[in-house]
Every structure is written in C-alpha cells, then in structure tokens.
C-alpha atoms as a PDB file:
ATOM      1  CA  MET A   1     -27.364-154.462 149.075  1.00  0.00           C
ATOM      2  CA  LYS A   2     -27.826-155.769 152.397  1.00  0.00           C
ATOM      3  CA  GLU A   3     -30.561-157.762 154.158  1.00  0.00           C
ATOM      4  CA  LEU A   4     -31.106-160.012 156.996  1.00  0.00           C
ATOM      5  CA  GLN A   5     -31.583-163.690 156.075  1.00  0.00           C
ATOM      6  CA  THR A   6     -32.698-166.513 158.459  1.00  0.00           C
ATOM      7  CA  PHE A   7     -31.955-170.193 157.635  1.00  0.00           C
ATOM      8  CA  ALA A   8     -32.912-172.976 160.071  1.00  0.00           C
ATOM      9  CA  GLY A   9     -33.459-170.304 162.904  1.00  0.00           C
ATOM     10  CA  GLN A  10     -30.022-168.737 162.407  1.00  0.00           C
ATOM     11  CA  THR A  11     -29.933-165.106 161.318  1.00  0.00           C
ATOM     12  CA  TYR A  12     -27.332-163.547 159.133  1.00  0.00           C
ATOM     13  CA  GLU A  13     -26.835-160.066 157.769  1.00  0.00           C
ATOM     14  CA  ALA A  14     -26.073-160.669 153.921  1.00  0.00           C
ATOM     15  CA  THR A  15     -24.192-158.152 151.996  1.00  0.00           C
ATOM     16  CA  TYR A  16     -24.014-158.337 148.253  1.00  0.00           C
ATOM     17  CA  LEU A  17     -20.234-157.087 147.461  1.00  0.00           C
ATOM     18  CA  GLY A  18     -20.667-157.538 143.675  1.00  0.00           C
ATOM     19  CA  CYS A  19     -17.686-158.724 141.785  1.00  0.00           C
ATOM     20  CA  ILE A  20     -14.620-158.288 143.780  1.00  0.00           C
ATOM     21  CA  ASP A  21     -11.148-159.857 144.130  1.00  0.00           C
ATOM     22  CA  ILE A  22     -11.566-163.156 146.151  1.00  0.00           C
ATOM     23  CA  SER A  23      -7.742-163.622 146.785  1.00  0.00           C
ATOM     24  CA  ASN A  24      -7.797-162.173 150.172  1.00  0.00           C
ATOM     25  CA  ILE A  25     -11.419-163.193 151.612  1.00  0.00           C
ATOM     26  CA  SER A  26     -11.917-166.413 153.660  1.00  0.00           C
ATOM     27  CA  PRO A  27     -13.611-168.649 154.325  1.00  0.00           C
ATOM     28  CA  LEU A  28     -15.185-169.163 150.875  1.00  0.00           C
ATOM     29  CA  TRP A  29     -18.061-171.265 151.946  1.00  0.00           C
ATOM     30  CA  GLN A  30     -20.119-172.222 148.964  1.00  0.00           C
ATOM     31  CA  VAL A  31     -20.452-171.632 145.306  1.00  0.00           C
ATOM     32  CA  TYR A  32     -23.826-171.514 143.351  1.00  0.00           C
ATOM     33  CA  GLY A  33     -24.437-170.856 139.581  1.00  0.00           C
ATOM     34  CA  PHE A  34     -26.858-169.396 137.345  1.00  0.00           C
ATOM     35  CA  PHE A  35     -26.371-171.648 134.217  1.00  0.00           C
ATOM     36  CA  PHE A  36     -27.906-171.046 130.963  1.00  0.00           C
ATOM     37  CA  ASP A  37     -28.810-173.299 127.989  1.00  0.00           C
ATOM     38  CA  LYS A  38     -28.347-172.340 124.287  1.00  0.00           C
ATOM     39  CA  GLU A  39     -31.815-170.677 124.436  1.00  0.00           C
ATOM     40  CA  ASN A  40     -30.862-168.749 127.515  1.00  0.00           C
ATOM     41  CA  ASN A  41     -33.169-170.632 129.946  1.00  0.00           C
ATOM     42  CA  LEU A  42     -31.909-170.835 133.668  1.00  0.00           C
ATOM     43  CA  LEU A  43     -31.132-174.223 135.017  1.00  0.00           C
ATOM     44  CA  ILE A  44     -32.760-175.069 138.427  1.00  0.00           C
ATOM     45  CA  ASN A  45     -32.958-178.264 140.154  1.00  0.00           C
ATOM     46  CA  ASP A  46     -34.790-180.019 142.980  1.00  0.00           C
ATOM     47  CA  ASP A  47     -32.956-180.463 146.347  1.00  0.00           C
ATOM     48  CA  GLY A  48     -34.404-183.889 147.010  1.00  0.00           C
ATOM     49  CA  LYS A  49     -37.125-182.321 149.346  1.00  0.00           C
ATOM     50  CA  GLY A  50     -39.193-180.682 146.870  1.00  0.00           C
ATOM     51  CA  ASN A  51     -37.464-177.462 146.892  1.00  0.00           C
ATOM     52  CA  TRP A  52     -36.112-175.793 143.777  1.00  0.00           C
ATOM     53  CA  ARG A  53     -32.497-174.308 144.017  1.00  0.00           C
ATOM     54  CA  LEU A  54     -29.435-173.399 141.874  1.00  0.00           C
ATOM     55  CA  PRO A  55     -26.845-176.013 141.306  1.00  0.00           C
ATOM     56  CA  GLY A  56     -23.948-175.563 143.767  1.00  0.00           C
ATOM     57  CA  GLY A  57     -22.594-176.279 147.238  1.00  0.00           C
ATOM     58  CA  LYS A  58     -19.631-176.374 149.482  1.00  0.00           C
ATOM     59  CA  ILE A  59     -16.077-175.830 148.120  1.00  0.00           C
ATOM     60  CA  GLU A  60     -14.381-179.188 149.122  1.00  0.00           C
ATOM     61  CA  GLU A  61     -10.951-179.150 150.784  1.00  0.00           C
ATOM     62  CA  GLY A  62      -7.895-178.626 148.357  1.00  0.00           C
ATOM     63  CA  GLU A  63     -10.662-177.553 145.587  1.00  0.00           C
ATOM     64  CA  ASP A  64     -10.895-173.874 144.040  1.00  0.00           C
ATOM     65  CA  TRP A  65     -14.266-172.308 143.233  1.00  0.00           C
ATOM     66  CA  LYS A  66     -14.307-173.235 139.513  1.00  0.00           C
ATOM     67  CA  THR A  67     -13.577-176.858 140.013  1.00  0.00           C
ATOM     68  CA  ALA A  68     -16.313-176.907 142.835  1.00  0.00           C
ATOM     69  CA  ILE A  69     -19.026-175.380 140.676  1.00  0.00           C
ATOM     70  CA  ILE A  70     -18.115-177.485 137.579  1.00  0.00           C
ATOM     71  CA  ARG A  71     -18.296-180.678 139.790  1.00  0.00           C
ATOM     72  CA  GLU A  72     -21.553-179.705 141.594  1.00  0.00           C
ATOM     73  CA  ALA A  73     -23.374-178.779 138.244  1.00  0.00           C
ATOM     74  CA  LEU A  74     -22.353-182.382 136.951  1.00  0.00           C
ATOM     75  CA  GLU A  75     -23.343-184.062 140.235  1.00  0.00           C
ATOM     76  CA  GLU A  76     -26.645-182.268 141.014  1.00  0.00           C
ATOM     77  CA  ALA A  77     -27.975-181.775 137.490  1.00  0.00           C
ATOM     78  CA  ASP A  78     -25.911-183.829 135.153  1.00  0.00           C
ATOM     79  CA  VAL A  79     -24.834-180.798 132.965  1.00  0.00           C
ATOM     80  CA  VAL A  80     -21.249-180.069 131.461  1.00  0.00           C
ATOM     81  CA  LEU A  81     -20.339-176.389 131.606  1.00  0.00           C
ATOM     82  CA  GLU A  82     -18.377-174.498 129.102  1.00  0.00           C
ATOM     83  CA  GLU A  83     -15.528-174.035 131.324  1.00  0.00           C
ATOM     84  CA  ASP A  84     -14.266-170.853 129.657  1.00  0.00           C
ATOM     85  CA  SER A  85     -17.798-169.247 130.142  1.00  0.00           C
ATOM     86  CA  VAL A  86     -17.681-169.767 133.940  1.00  0.00           C
ATOM     87  CA  LYS A  87     -17.100-166.753 136.023  1.00  0.00           C
ATOM     88  CA  ILE A  88     -17.811-165.235 139.337  1.00  0.00           C
ATOM     89  CA  PHE A  89     -20.037-162.092 139.049  1.00  0.00           C
ATOM     90  CA  GLY A  90     -20.760-161.663 142.882  1.00  0.00           C
ATOM     91  CA  VAL A  91     -19.766-162.369 146.236  1.00  0.00           C
ATOM     92  CA  ILE A  92     -22.106-162.195 149.246  1.00  0.00           C
ATOM     93  CA  GLU A  93     -20.729-161.516 152.897  1.00  0.00           C
ATOM     94  CA  MET A  94     -22.581-163.441 155.542  1.00  0.00           C
ATOM     95  CA  ILE A  95     -22.110-162.111 159.314  1.00  0.00           C
ATOM     96  CA  PRO A  96     -23.821-163.859 162.138  1.00  0.00           C
ATOM     97  CA  LYS A  97     -26.533-161.873 163.748  1.00  0.00           C
ATOM     98  CA  SER A  98     -28.171-164.455 166.106  1.00  0.00           C
ATOM     99  CA  GLU A  99     -26.480-166.362 168.972  1.00  0.00           C
ATOM    100  CA  ASN A 100     -27.233-169.774 167.618  1.00  0.00           C
ATOM    101  CA  CYS A 101     -25.297-169.322 164.229  1.00  0.00           C
ATOM    102  CA  GLU A 102     -23.150-172.180 163.412  1.00  0.00           C
ATOM    103  CA  LYS A 103     -20.946-170.363 161.041  1.00  0.00           C
ATOM    104  CA  PRO A 104     -18.655-167.543 161.532  1.00  0.00           C
ATOM    105  CA  LYS A 105     -18.464-164.578 159.085  1.00  0.00           C
ATOM    106  CA  HIS A 106     -18.185-166.236 155.594  1.00  0.00           C
ATOM    107  CA  TYR A 107     -18.429-165.709 151.949  1.00  0.00           C
ATOM    108  CA  LEU A 108     -20.652-167.163 149.291  1.00  0.00           C
ATOM    109  CA  LEU A 109     -19.702-166.958 145.698  1.00  0.00           C
ATOM    110  CA  ARG A 110     -22.278-166.609 142.797  1.00  0.00           C
ATOM    111  CA  CYS A 111     -21.190-167.557 139.352  1.00  0.00           C
ATOM    112  CA  SER A 112     -22.749-167.724 135.776  1.00  0.00           C
ATOM    113  CA  GLY A 113     -21.957-169.566 132.626  1.00  0.00           C
ATOM    114  CA  LYS A 114     -23.022-171.394 129.780  1.00  0.00           C
ATOM    115  CA  ILE A 115     -24.004-175.214 129.403  1.00  0.00           C
ATOM    116  CA  LYS A 116     -21.983-177.243 126.814  1.00  0.00           C
ATOM    117  CA  GLU A 117     -23.975-180.386 127.289  1.00  0.00           C
ATOM    118  CA  VAL A 118     -27.152-181.880 129.134  1.00  0.00           C
ATOM    119  CA  LYS A 119     -26.595-185.321 130.122  1.00  0.00           C
ATOM    120  CA  GLU A 120     -28.913-188.204 131.028  1.00  0.00           C
ATOM    121  CA  GLN A 121     -29.548-187.926 134.752  1.00  0.00           C
ATOM    122  CA  THR A 122     -27.983-190.044 137.376  1.00  0.00           C
ATOM    123  CA  PRO A 123     -28.189-189.960 141.044  1.00  0.00           C
ATOM    124  CA  ASP A 124     -26.550-186.994 142.924  1.00  0.00           C
ATOM    125  CA  PRO A 125     -23.651-188.664 144.990  1.00  0.00           C
ATOM    126  CA  ASP A 126     -24.702-186.809 148.120  1.00  0.00           C
ATOM    127  CA  LEU A 127     -28.400-187.567 147.982  1.00  0.00           C
ATOM    128  CA  ASN A 128     -28.211-190.774 146.288  1.00  0.00           C
ATOM    129  CA  LEU A 129     -31.553-189.565 144.387  1.00  0.00           C
ATOM    130  CA  ILE A 130     -32.020-188.359 140.711  1.00  0.00           C
ATOM    131  CA  CYS A 131     -32.994-184.829 141.420  1.00  0.00           C
ATOM    132  CA  GLN A 132     -35.413-183.198 139.019  1.00  0.00           C
ATOM    133  CA  ARG A 133     -33.731-180.487 136.709  1.00  0.00           C
ATOM    134  CA  LYS A 134     -35.668-177.816 134.848  1.00  0.00           C
ATOM    135  CA  PHE A 135     -34.910-174.978 132.378  1.00  0.00           C
ATOM    136  CA  ILE A 136     -36.887-172.046 133.190  1.00  0.00           C
ATOM    137  CA  ASN A 137     -37.215-168.292 131.618  1.00  0.00           C
ATOM    138  CA  THR A 138     -35.489-166.259 134.052  1.00  0.00           C
ATOM    139  CA  LYS A 139     -38.758-164.017 134.638  1.00  0.00           C
ATOM    140  CA  ASP A 140     -40.006-167.016 136.439  1.00  0.00           C
ATOM    141  CA  PHE A 141     -37.153-167.243 138.933  1.00  0.00           C
ATOM    142  CA  PRO A 142     -39.017-165.919 141.899  1.00  0.00           C
ATOM    143  CA  LYS A 143     -41.674-168.621 141.271  1.00  0.00           C
ATOM    144  CA  TYR A 144     -39.261-171.380 142.071  1.00  0.00           C
ATOM    145  CA  ILE A 145     -36.663-169.720 144.203  1.00  0.00           C
ATOM    146  CA  LYS A 146     -37.852-167.471 147.154  1.00  0.00           C
ATOM    147  CA  TRP A 147     -34.916-165.218 147.548  1.00  0.00           C
ATOM    148  CA  GLY A 148     -37.099-161.755 147.340  1.00  0.00           C
ATOM    149  CA  ASN A 149     -35.646-158.724 146.138  1.00  0.00           C
ATOM    150  CA  PHE A 150     -32.094-159.744 147.075  1.00  0.00           C
ATOM    151  CA  GLY A 151     -32.409-162.764 144.767  1.00  0.00           C
ATOM    152  CA  GLU A 152     -33.918-160.740 142.093  1.00  0.00           C
ATOM    153  CA  HIS A 153     -31.054-158.519 142.166  1.00  0.00           C
ATOM    154  CA  ILE A 154     -28.419-161.360 141.951  1.00  0.00           C
ATOM    155  CA  LYS A 155     -30.326-162.990 139.046  1.00  0.00           C
ATOM    156  CA  GLU A 156     -30.077-159.539 137.218  1.00  0.00           C
ATOM    157  CA  GLU A 157     -26.410-159.564 137.905  1.00  0.00           C
ATOM    158  CA  ALA A 158     -26.012-162.954 136.422  1.00  0.00           C
ATOM    159  CA  ILE A 159     -27.832-162.026 133.254  1.00  0.00           C
ATOM    160  CA  ARG A 160     -25.705-158.981 132.883  1.00  0.00           C
ATOM    161  CA  SER A 161     -22.403-160.999 133.552  1.00  0.00           C
ATOM    162  CA  LEU A 162     -23.148-163.122 130.389  1.00  0.00           C
ATOM    163  CA  LYS A 163     -23.381-159.925 128.139  1.00  0.00           C
END
C-alpha cells in the first residue's frame, strides 16, 4: 500500500512494506504501537494538544526499537507492556517528495502487544503534562486517529498480528 502524506507542509510518499527484516534498513526514525488491554480495546492517548494518537515516538540514541516502545508506552500512557507480546508487524518507508522535507528517506515501525498493567497517570516527561488516555473499540479507530485507508489497513494488520 502506498500514498502521499503531508505533515506540517512536508510531503512524503509512504509505502507500507509489511513485516520485513529490519536489520538492514536505516534510519529507523520512530516506533508507534497498537496496544490492547485484556478486553482487546486499543490504547490511544492525547498528544497534549487535543489530538489522539498511538503511544510511541523517536528511537533514542543507543536504544533498540523494543526498548523505545516500552519506554514510550510507560512515559506517555503509564502502561506496562507484556514484553514477550511486543512485536513488529509492519514497516513504513517514507520518501521525501517536496523540497521542504526536513527528513531524508527514513523508516517507521509499527508494533503491537498486550498491556500487562495500567498504572496511575503521571506527567509525560517530554510535555510535563498528564495526557489523557483512552481505551477504544478498534472499529472506532478512525473517529480518533485520522489516518484514512492507510491507517485502517495498518490497524487491521495490528489486529492480525496478535492472533
């Protein structure tokens, strides 16, 4: 699946590559996760600006993807993940298409997993805010996260990855 995506006036061609070997792709820019509670509801959280998103973010220097997403889930949504359940189910290749793109060609990881524990919320260290978290039925995903058909496809891949 392929589509043009524009963020802050920068246009990239996004290509969903599915679950591929990531050992030879670089740079891995970010990782976001589809995480499910015991009732199979999907975790989403507020970005501090009133927009809903999945937990995740940039992979820090010296960090692997799994350490990054486990850290991000705890920092942003105060959830502890079942580490053995966390896995990559998809890779997105992002190719700059407009002159003003700040990032070169890069890759985004999408992973899934199960939530082990929901903790009392604390401020996100990057935002210094307690961002609202919510557990939603997956059919309501497009009401909260506006990723269009591309997002729906990725959400379905996340659900399949847990079976």
